[in-house]
């Protein structure tokens, strides 16, 4: 009897650890260029977190004061939700640049893998480009490149090479450039002040 209880206990421990590993694996994100995050998002806003309500097993609700809508519905958003699994932690009384999904009920949901930054951590160039440029580049594809031989398979692609130097999201392409369509239909990197050319 003791042997079967011990065997059952060991099986439960193994299953529990396997499940914890699955949840941890599900919470890993592939980093995307801020322009991709903007283009994929239903909603992009600047907001200040003014309160938080967390319940066990329920989505975490952050009450927000919307400051600026860059992309989304023609109404203010007063709260964002994050699921209890893989939550994105926000601090009260801080301003954020938030990208997320708009649910069928009209609620905005943010996930750990969405592009979320404190407003002060975003460069002025990036914020201006967000407002002026990212949306015009949504027809272009940004391909992450982490090795010296990264091919472009079509003219509507831009290679994101910040990874070669180990900079990722803090590199110059992520901070100061947008991938935009040129007149000939191909895509290329442009700084905030440059105009797309031939």
Foldseek 3Di string as FASTA:
>chain_A
DVVVVVVVVVVVVVVVVVVVVVLVVVLDEDADFLLQLLLPFQWKFKWAFADWDDDVQAWIKTFIDTDGTLHHDPDDAGIETEGPRQGDDDDHGFIKTWGAYQDPVRHTYGGNHHDMDTPVVADPQQVVCSNPPSVQLSQAAEAEDQDPDDDDPDQRYEYDDCNVVPCVCNDCCSRFWYWHAAPVGGTYIDGSPDDHYD
